[in-house]
Amino acid sequence: QVQLEESGGGLVQAGDSLTLSCAASGRIFSRYNIGWFHQAPGKERELIARITWSGDRTYYADSVKGRFTIARDNAKNTVYLKMNSLKPEDTAVYYCAAARTLTVVPGNFDTWGQGTQVTVSS
């Protein structure tokens, strides 16, 4: 089993950059695909980026493609989400989650972090 903890959220202005980290505990972290989700108030949790266990394939939602980059360092048990050109509509709680399979469905992710708030002011 793996446990996840997000960090790096905060309050920024539109156009700024922010990097989120997802730190994992557990020896088998490197076997999991990791996804970053966001959830704005009153909206469903949405997968915005995902990286395979080996780091060789990534997925991005259209809303963040070209602005966000996901990367992982298995030696440090950490996955990063670099967010550039942030917009007010990026304001949400950001979660990382682990899955054994390649999936975009939140219910298919096995383990979740507690989330970190990102607020982008205009």
C-alpha atoms as a PDB file:
ATOM      1  CA  GLN A   1       0.000   0.000   0.000  1.00  0.00           C
ATOM      2  CA  VAL A   2       1.116   3.576  -0.618  1.00  0.00           C
ATOM      3  CA  GLN A   3       0.216   6.811   1.171  1.00  0.00           C
ATOM      4  CA  LEU A   4       0.288  10.189  -0.553  1.00  0.00           C
ATOM      5  CA  GLU A   5       0.708  13.760   0.675  1.00  0.00           C
ATOM      6  CA  GLU A   6       0.415  16.887  -1.462  1.00  0.00           C
ATOM      7  CA  SER A   7       2.210  20.166  -0.847  1.00  0.00           C
ATOM      8  CA  GLY A   8       2.994  23.393  -2.637  1.00  0.00           C
ATOM      9  CA  GLY A   9      -0.421  24.987  -2.947  1.00  0.00           C
ATOM     10  CA  GLY A  10      -1.065  28.627  -2.209  1.00  0.00           C
ATOM     11  CA  LEU A  11      -2.400  31.966  -3.387  1.00  0.00           C
ATOM     12  CA  VAL A  12      -0.943  33.333  -6.615  1.00  0.00           C
ATOM     13  CA  GLN A  13      -1.861  35.871  -9.262  1.00  0.00           C
ATOM     14  CA  ALA A  14      -3.015  35.089 -12.779  1.00  0.00           C
ATOM     15  CA  GLY A  15      -0.036  34.330 -14.994  1.00  0.00           C
ATOM     16  CA  ASP A  16       2.126  33.070 -12.132  1.00  0.00           C
ATOM     17  CA  SER A  17       3.628  29.605 -11.793  1.00  0.00           C
ATOM     18  CA  LEU A  18       3.393  27.075  -9.007  1.00  0.00           C
ATOM     19  CA  THR A  19       4.783  23.589  -8.493  1.00  0.00           C
ATOM     20  CA  LEU A  20       2.890  20.997  -6.509  1.00  0.00           C
ATOM     21  CA  SER A  21       4.548  17.942  -5.004  1.00  0.00           C
ATOM     22  CA  CYS A  22       3.049  14.576  -4.193  1.00  0.00           C
ATOM     23  CA  ALA A  23       5.224  12.678  -1.741  1.00  0.00           C
ATOM     24  CA  ALA A  24       4.605   8.984  -1.292  1.00  0.00           C
ATOM     25  CA  SER A  25       5.490   6.516   1.396  1.00  0.00           C
ATOM     26  CA  GLY A  26       5.774   2.828   0.688  1.00  0.00           C
ATOM     27  CA  ARG A  27       8.282   0.678  -1.106  1.00  0.00           C
ATOM     28  CA  ILE A  28       6.063   0.005  -4.116  1.00  0.00           C
ATOM     29  CA  PHE A  29       5.447   3.620  -5.150  1.00  0.00           C
ATOM     30  CA  SER A  30       7.306   3.039  -8.396  1.00  0.00           C
ATOM     31  CA  ARG A  31       4.677   0.473  -9.474  1.00  0.00           C
ATOM     32  CA  TYR A  32       1.830   2.991  -9.434  1.00  0.00           C
ATOM     33  CA  ASN A  33       0.570   5.341 -12.092  1.00  0.00           C
ATOM     34  CA  ILE A  34      -0.034   8.747 -10.501  1.00  0.00           C
ATOM     35  CA  GLY A  35      -2.697  11.264 -11.398  1.00  0.00           C
ATOM     36  CA  TRP A  36      -3.304  14.865 -10.413  1.00  0.00           C
ATOM     37  CA  PHE A  37      -6.928  15.913 -10.039  1.00  0.00           C
ATOM     38  CA  HIS A  38      -8.537  19.196  -9.264  1.00  0.00           C
ATOM     39  CA  GLN A  39     -11.913  19.944  -7.764  1.00  0.00           C
ATOM     40  CA  ALA A  40     -13.479  23.375  -7.718  1.00  0.00           C
ATOM     41  CA  PRO A  41     -16.400  24.172  -5.395  1.00  0.00           C
ATOM     42  CA  GLY A  42     -19.590  22.634  -6.701  1.00  0.00           C
ATOM     43  CA  LYS A  43     -17.821  20.727  -9.457  1.00  0.00           C
ATOM     44  CA  GLU A  44     -16.739  17.147  -9.928  1.00  0.00           C
ATOM     45  CA  ARG A  45     -13.208  15.997  -9.339  1.00  0.00           C
ATOM     46  CA  GLU A  46     -11.398  15.977 -12.688  1.00  0.00           C
ATOM     47  CA  LEU A  47      -8.208  14.279 -13.801  1.00  0.00           C
ATOM     48  CA  ILE A  48      -5.908  16.917 -15.243  1.00  0.00           C
ATOM     49  CA  ALA A  49      -2.618  15.050 -15.573  1.00  0.00           C
ATOM     50  CA  ARG A  50      -1.348  11.511 -15.224  1.00  0.00           C
ATOM     51  CA  ILE A  51       2.018   9.805 -15.490  1.00  0.00           C
ATOM     52  CA  THR A  52       2.783   6.120 -15.847  1.00  0.00           C
ATOM     53  CA  TRP A  53       4.781   4.240 -13.235  1.00  0.00           C
ATOM     54  CA  SER A  54       7.865   4.387 -15.435  1.00  0.00           C
ATOM     55  CA  GLY A  55       7.375   8.002 -16.431  1.00  0.00           C
ATOM     56  CA  ASP A  56       7.339   7.177 -20.123  1.00  0.00           C
ATOM     57  CA  ARG A  57       3.798   8.307 -20.870  1.00  0.00           C
ATOM     58  CA  THR A  58       1.771  11.291 -19.756  1.00  0.00           C
ATOM     59  CA  TYR A  59      -1.795  12.466 -20.137  1.00  0.00           C
ATOM     60  CA  TYR A  60      -3.157  16.006 -19.863  1.00  0.00           C
ATOM     61  CA  ALA A  61      -6.666  17.343 -19.893  1.00  0.00           C
ATOM     62  CA  ASP A  62      -7.312  19.875 -22.634  1.00  0.00           C
ATOM     63  CA  SER A  63      -7.803  22.595 -20.022  1.00  0.00           C
ATOM     64  CA  VAL A  64      -4.154  22.365 -18.880  1.00  0.00           C
ATOM     65  CA  LYS A  65      -2.354  21.053 -21.967  1.00  0.00           C
ATOM     66  CA  GLY A  66       0.629  23.233 -22.786  1.00  0.00           C
ATOM     67  CA  ARG A  67       0.572  24.949 -19.366  1.00  0.00           C
ATOM     68  CA  PHE A  68       1.052  22.116 -16.863  1.00  0.00           C
ATOM     69  CA  THR A  69       3.784  19.466 -16.764  1.00  0.00           C
ATOM     70  CA  ILE A  70       3.768  16.290 -14.710  1.00  0.00           C
ATOM     71  CA  ALA A  71       6.989  14.515 -13.788  1.00  0.00           C
ATOM     72  CA  ARG A  72       8.117  11.919 -11.279  1.00  0.00           C
ATOM     73  CA  ASP A  73      11.279  10.996  -9.430  1.00  0.00           C
ATOM     74  CA  ASN A  74      10.921   7.430  -8.211  1.00  0.00           C
ATOM     75  CA  ALA A  75      14.180   7.666  -6.279  1.00  0.00           C
ATOM     76  CA  LYS A  76      12.561  10.421  -4.194  1.00  0.00           C
ATOM     77  CA  ASN A  77       9.080   8.835  -4.201  1.00  0.00           C
ATOM     78  CA  THR A  78       7.706  12.114  -5.504  1.00  0.00           C
ATOM     79  CA  VAL A  79       5.529  13.288  -8.393  1.00  0.00           C
ATOM     80  CA  TYR A  80       5.484  16.947  -9.379  1.00  0.00           C
ATOM     81  CA  LEU A  81       2.969  19.135 -11.172  1.00  0.00           C
ATOM     82  CA  LYS A  82       4.510  22.260 -12.635  1.00  0.00           C
ATOM     83  CA  MET A  83       1.766  24.781 -13.363  1.00  0.00           C
ATOM     84  CA  ASN A  84       2.515  27.766 -15.578  1.00  0.00           C
ATOM     85  CA  SER A  85       0.334  30.620 -16.818  1.00  0.00           C
ATOM     86  CA  LEU A  86      -2.180  30.032 -14.067  1.00  0.00           C
ATOM     87  CA  LYS A  87      -5.708  31.303 -14.591  1.00  0.00           C
ATOM     88  CA  PRO A  88      -8.459  32.116 -12.081  1.00  0.00           C
ATOM     89  CA  GLU A  89     -10.359  29.075 -13.361  1.00  0.00           C
ATOM     90  CA  ASP A  90      -7.484  26.879 -12.124  1.00  0.00           C
ATOM     91  CA  THR A  91      -8.590  27.693  -8.580  1.00  0.00           C
ATOM     92  CA  ALA A  92      -9.393  24.379  -6.904  1.00  0.00           C
ATOM     93  CA  VAL A  93      -8.237  21.796  -4.428  1.00  0.00           C
ATOM     94  CA  TYR A  94      -5.567  19.661  -6.070  1.00  0.00           C
ATOM     95  CA  TYR A  95      -5.237  15.986  -5.224  1.00  0.00           C
ATOM     96  CA  CYS A  96      -2.772  13.336  -6.256  1.00  0.00           C
ATOM     97  CA  ALA A  97      -3.877   9.724  -6.482  1.00  0.00           C
ATOM     98  CA  ALA A  98      -2.341   6.354  -7.279  1.00  0.00           C
ATOM     99  CA  ALA A  99      -3.671   3.656  -9.559  1.00  0.00           C
ATOM    100  CA  ARG A 100      -2.407   0.286 -10.708  1.00  0.00           C
ATOM    101  CA  THR A 101      -4.098   0.715 -14.081  1.00  0.00           C
ATOM    102  CA  LEU A 102      -4.112   3.456 -16.693  1.00  0.00           C
ATOM    103  CA  THR A 103      -7.415   5.116 -15.982  1.00  0.00           C
ATOM    104  CA  VAL A 104      -9.093   8.514 -15.982  1.00  0.00           C
ATOM    105  CA  VAL A 105     -11.923   7.490 -13.666  1.00  0.00           C
ATOM    106  CA  PRO A 106     -11.522   8.811 -10.113  1.00  0.00           C
ATOM    107  CA  GLY A 107     -13.159   5.689  -8.680  1.00  0.00           C
ATOM    108  CA  ASN A 108     -10.426   3.516 -10.146  1.00  0.00           C
ATOM    109  CA  PHE A 109      -7.661   5.240  -8.195  1.00  0.00           C
ATOM    110  CA  ASP A 110      -6.713   3.277  -5.102  1.00  0.00           C
ATOM    111  CA  THR A 111      -5.134   5.869  -2.852  1.00  0.00           C
ATOM    112  CA  TRP A 112      -5.622   9.628  -2.448  1.00  0.00           C
ATOM    113  CA  GLY A 113      -3.825  12.443  -0.722  1.00  0.00           C
ATOM    114  CA  GLN A 114      -5.603  15.013   1.436  1.00  0.00           C
ATOM    115  CA  GLY A 115      -5.397  17.747  -1.182  1.00  0.00           C
ATOM    116  CA  THR A 116      -3.784  21.181  -1.373  1.00  0.00           C
ATOM    117  CA  GLN A 117      -5.597  24.426  -2.153  1.00  0.00           C
ATOM    118  CA  VAL A 118      -4.557  26.518  -5.141  1.00  0.00           C
ATOM    119  CA  THR A 119      -6.129  29.937  -5.479  1.00  0.00           C
ATOM    120  CA  VAL A 120      -5.451  32.136  -8.501  1.00  0.00           C
ATOM    121  CA  SER A 121      -6.505  35.758  -8.242  1.00  0.00           C
ATOM    122  CA  SER A 122      -7.269  37.885 -11.287  1.00  0.00           C
END
